[in-house]
C-alpha atoms as a PDB file:
ATOM      1  CA  MET A   1     -13.139 -12.956 -19.193  1.00  0.00           C
ATOM      2  CA  MET A   2     -16.381 -12.196 -17.389  1.00  0.00           C
ATOM      3  CA  SER A   3     -19.711 -13.280 -18.801  1.00  0.00           C
ATOM      4  CA  GLU A   4     -22.564 -10.835 -19.276  1.00  0.00           C
ATOM      5  CA  ASN A   5     -24.399 -12.263 -16.233  1.00  0.00           C
ATOM      6  CA  SER A   6     -21.542 -11.927 -13.753  1.00  0.00           C
ATOM      7  CA  THR A   7     -20.951  -8.830 -11.674  1.00  0.00           C
ATOM      8  CA  ALA A   8     -17.441  -7.533 -11.114  1.00  0.00           C
ATOM      9  CA  LYS A   9     -16.481  -7.099  -7.465  1.00  0.00           C
ATOM     10  CA  LYS A  10     -13.762  -4.940  -5.982  1.00  0.00           C
ATOM     11  CA  ALA A  11     -11.431  -6.684  -3.548  1.00  0.00           C
ATOM     12  CA  LEU A  12      -9.029  -5.277  -0.992  1.00  0.00           C
ATOM     13  CA  VAL A  13      -6.138  -7.676  -0.315  1.00  0.00           C
ATOM     14  CA  LEU A  14      -3.696  -6.538   2.377  1.00  0.00           C
ATOM     15  CA  SER A  15      -0.415  -8.357   2.908  1.00  0.00           C
ATOM     16  CA  GLY A  16       1.365  -8.826   6.213  1.00  0.00           C
ATOM     17  CA  GLY A  17       4.334  -7.022   7.682  1.00  0.00           C
ATOM     18  CA  GLY A  18       4.207  -4.304  10.326  1.00  0.00           C
ATOM     19  CA  ALA A  19       5.694  -1.450   8.302  1.00  0.00           C
ATOM     20  CA  ARG A  20       3.877  -2.537   5.158  1.00  0.00           C
ATOM     21  CA  ALA A  21       0.579  -2.471   7.046  1.00  0.00           C
ATOM     22  CA  ALA A  22       1.316   1.094   8.134  1.00  0.00           C
ATOM     23  CA  TYR A  23       1.946   2.068   4.492  1.00  0.00           C
ATOM     24  CA  GLN A  24      -1.383   0.494   3.560  1.00  0.00           C
ATOM     25  CA  VAL A  25      -3.127   3.092   5.698  1.00  0.00           C
ATOM     26  CA  GLY A  26      -1.669   5.850   3.517  1.00  0.00           C
ATOM     27  CA  VAL A  27      -3.033   4.181   0.397  1.00  0.00           C
ATOM     28  CA  LEU A  28      -6.417   3.686   2.060  1.00  0.00           C
ATOM     29  CA  ARG A  29      -6.461   7.377   3.024  1.00  0.00           C
ATOM     30  CA  ALA A  30      -5.774   8.318  -0.612  1.00  0.00           C
ATOM     31  CA  ILE A  31      -8.665   6.090  -1.737  1.00  0.00           C
ATOM     32  CA  ALA A  32     -10.955   7.620   0.903  1.00  0.00           C
ATOM     33  CA  ASN A  33      -9.977  11.116  -0.265  1.00  0.00           C
ATOM     34  CA  LEU A  34     -10.953  10.261  -3.846  1.00  0.00           C
ATOM     35  CA  LEU A  35     -14.473   9.297  -2.775  1.00  0.00           C
ATOM     36  CA  PRO A  36     -17.295  11.595  -1.603  1.00  0.00           C
ATOM     37  CA  HIS A  37     -16.951  12.552   2.085  1.00  0.00           C
ATOM     38  CA  GLN A  38     -19.305  10.046   3.755  1.00  0.00           C
ATOM     39  CA  SER A  39     -18.819   7.178   1.302  1.00  0.00           C
ATOM     40  CA  PRO A  40     -19.126   3.600   2.452  1.00  0.00           C
ATOM     41  CA  ASN A  41     -16.349   1.125   1.917  1.00  0.00           C
ATOM     42  CA  PRO A  42     -16.143   0.482  -1.860  1.00  0.00           C
ATOM     43  CA  PHE A  43     -14.777  -3.078  -1.481  1.00  0.00           C
ATOM     44  CA  GLN A  44     -17.098  -6.067  -1.560  1.00  0.00           C
ATOM     45  CA  ILE A  45     -14.263  -8.439  -0.615  1.00  0.00           C
ATOM     46  CA  ILE A  46     -11.784  -7.569   2.151  1.00  0.00           C
ATOM     47  CA  THR A  47      -8.979  -9.866   3.240  1.00  0.00           C
ATOM     48  CA  GLY A  48      -5.549  -9.648   4.787  1.00  0.00           C
ATOM     49  CA  VAL A  49      -2.715 -11.553   6.403  1.00  0.00           C
ATOM     50  CA  SER A  50      -1.109 -10.798   9.774  1.00  0.00           C
ATOM     51  CA  ALA A  51      -0.917  -7.014  10.267  1.00  0.00           C
ATOM     52  CA  GLY A  52      -2.798  -6.600   6.975  1.00  0.00           C
ATOM     53  CA  ALA A  53      -5.627  -8.682   8.473  1.00  0.00           C
ATOM     54  CA  LEU A  54      -5.835  -6.213  11.359  1.00  0.00           C
ATOM     55  CA  ASN A  55      -6.176  -3.357   8.870  1.00  0.00           C
ATOM     56  CA  ALA A  56      -8.754  -5.349   6.909  1.00  0.00           C
ATOM     57  CA  ALA A  57     -10.778  -5.985  10.073  1.00  0.00           C
ATOM     58  CA  SER A  58     -10.873  -2.272  10.870  1.00  0.00           C
ATOM     59  CA  ILE A  59     -11.949  -1.354   7.344  1.00  0.00           C
ATOM     60  CA  ALA A  60     -14.647  -4.062   7.372  1.00  0.00           C
ATOM     61  CA  THR A  61     -15.850  -3.044  10.845  1.00  0.00           C
ATOM     62  CA  ASN A  62     -16.328   0.510   9.618  1.00  0.00           C
ATOM     63  CA  ALA A  63     -17.852  -0.478   6.277  1.00  0.00           C
ATOM     64  CA  GLN A  64     -20.525   2.230   6.488  1.00  0.00           C
ATOM     65  CA  ARG A  65     -17.868   5.001   6.355  1.00  0.00           C
ATOM     66  CA  LEU A  66     -14.469   4.334   4.830  1.00  0.00           C
ATOM     67  CA  ARG A  67     -12.943   7.522   6.273  1.00  0.00           C
ATOM     68  CA  THR A  68     -13.897   6.503   9.811  1.00  0.00           C
ATOM     69  CA  GLY A  69     -12.100   3.182   9.410  1.00  0.00           C
ATOM     70  CA  VAL A  70      -9.058   4.877   7.907  1.00  0.00           C
ATOM     71  CA  ARG A  71      -8.926   7.474  10.719  1.00  0.00           C
ATOM     72  CA  ALA A  72      -9.048   4.704  13.323  1.00  0.00           C
ATOM     73  CA  LEU A  73      -6.139   2.953  11.606  1.00  0.00           C
ATOM     74  CA  GLU A  74      -4.178   6.195  11.318  1.00  0.00           C
ATOM     75  CA  TYR A  75      -4.558   6.758  15.054  1.00  0.00           C
ATOM     76  CA  VAL A  76      -3.309   3.263  15.885  1.00  0.00           C
ATOM     77  CA  TRP A  77      -0.345   3.337  13.496  1.00  0.00           C
ATOM     78  CA  LYS A  78       0.709   6.867  14.521  1.00  0.00           C
ATOM     79  CA  ASN A  79       0.630   6.003  18.212  1.00  0.00           C
ATOM     80  CA  ILE A  80       1.888   2.419  18.359  1.00  0.00           C
ATOM     81  CA  SER A  81       5.177   1.633  20.080  1.00  0.00           C
ATOM     82  CA  SER A  82       7.328  -1.483  20.296  1.00  0.00           C
ATOM     83  CA  GLU A  83       6.316  -1.941  23.932  1.00  0.00           C
ATOM     84  CA  GLN A  84       2.702  -2.379  22.792  1.00  0.00           C
ATOM     85  CA  VAL A  85       3.699  -5.273  20.531  1.00  0.00           C
ATOM     86  CA  TYR A  86       6.226  -7.269  22.559  1.00  0.00           C
ATOM     87  CA  LYS A  87       8.080  -7.147  25.857  1.00  0.00           C
ATOM     88  CA  LEU A  88      11.487  -5.517  25.576  1.00  0.00           C
ATOM     89  CA  ASP A  89      12.798  -5.970  29.113  1.00  0.00           C
ATOM     90  CA  SER A  90      16.052  -7.931  29.422  1.00  0.00           C
ATOM     91  CA  ASN A  91      14.589 -10.566  31.784  1.00  0.00           C
ATOM     92  CA  GLY A  92      11.767 -11.351  29.394  1.00  0.00           C
ATOM     93  CA  LEU A  93      14.072 -11.381  26.385  1.00  0.00           C
ATOM     94  CA  ILE A  94      16.647 -13.668  28.030  1.00  0.00           C
ATOM     95  CA  GLY A  95      13.915 -15.968  29.364  1.00  0.00           C
ATOM     96  CA  ASN A  96      12.129 -16.228  26.017  1.00  0.00           C
ATOM     97  CA  ALA A  97      15.396 -16.646  24.098  1.00  0.00           C
ATOM     98  CA  SER A  98      16.518 -19.517  26.356  1.00  0.00           C
ATOM     99  CA  ASN A  99      13.069 -21.117  26.165  1.00  0.00           C
ATOM    100  CA  TRP A 100      13.159 -20.800  22.379  1.00  0.00           C
ATOM    101  CA  VAL A 101      16.637 -22.393  22.133  1.00  0.00           C
ATOM    102  CA  PHE A 102      15.765 -25.273  24.491  1.00  0.00           C
ATOM    103  CA  THR A 103      12.453 -25.909  22.724  1.00  0.00           C
ATOM    104  CA  PHE A 104      14.242 -25.969  19.386  1.00  0.00           C
ATOM    105  CA  LEU A 105      16.913 -28.388  20.628  1.00  0.00           C
ATOM    106  CA  ARG A 106      14.366 -30.758  22.234  1.00  0.00           C
ATOM    107  CA  ASN A 107      11.914 -30.764  19.330  1.00  0.00           C
ATOM    108  CA  ARG A 108      14.039 -30.674  16.217  1.00  0.00           C
ATOM    109  CA  ARG A 109      11.625 -32.857  14.295  1.00  0.00           C
ATOM    110  CA  ARG A 110       8.459 -31.162  15.515  1.00  0.00           C
ATOM    111  CA  ASN A 111       7.230 -27.877  14.191  1.00  0.00           C
ATOM    112  CA  THR A 112       6.389 -26.387  17.602  1.00  0.00           C
ATOM    113  CA  PRO A 113       5.245 -22.768  17.285  1.00  0.00           C
ATOM    114  CA  THR A 114       7.451 -20.617  19.510  1.00  0.00           C
ATOM    115  CA  SER A 115       8.618 -17.045  19.336  1.00  0.00           C
ATOM    116  CA  LEU A 116      11.725 -15.244  20.442  1.00  0.00           C
ATOM    117  CA  LEU A 117       9.791 -12.324  21.933  1.00  0.00           C
ATOM    118  CA  ASP A 118       6.785 -12.326  24.260  1.00  0.00           C
ATOM    119  CA  ASN A 119       3.941 -10.712  22.295  1.00  0.00           C
ATOM    120  CA  MET A 120       1.376 -10.599  25.117  1.00  0.00           C
ATOM    121  CA  PRO A 121       1.308  -6.781  24.934  1.00  0.00           C
ATOM    122  CA  LEU A 122      -0.051  -7.102  21.376  1.00  0.00           C
ATOM    123  CA  GLU A 123      -2.944  -9.221  22.653  1.00  0.00           C
ATOM    124  CA  THR A 124      -3.705  -6.523  25.218  1.00  0.00           C
ATOM    125  CA  LEU A 125      -3.564  -3.782  22.563  1.00  0.00           C
ATOM    126  CA  LEU A 126      -5.864  -5.672  20.188  1.00  0.00           C
ATOM    127  CA  GLY A 127      -8.316  -6.343  23.011  1.00  0.00           C
ATOM    128  CA  SER A 128      -8.485  -2.654  23.819  1.00  0.00           C
ATOM    129  CA  LEU A 129      -9.047  -1.652  20.196  1.00  0.00           C
END
């Protein structure tokens, strides 16, 4: 229960997951459409995890106009391809898979962060956005 002196704040909490983050954009567009045309972002608190954090960053960056932030996200999610997230070539996949297996076998007791796919293209995409 809130006291009389406290002010309620609206929070936007976006979970991770590539497809889920794309669905979030549809919900954000619906929210933007409910507000007057040039409305600022109505959320005082914005947070997210993984792909949801990327959406949250775009919405926060465009806080002065919610629709602008949503349009930017729509463009990215409509035009993104697997090749922009990770390398799909067989040499890269075989190399990363073998590296992953050998790292796992050598470091069973360590929690060494490794990935099966090379996600350098994602770093390039995020840098360009």
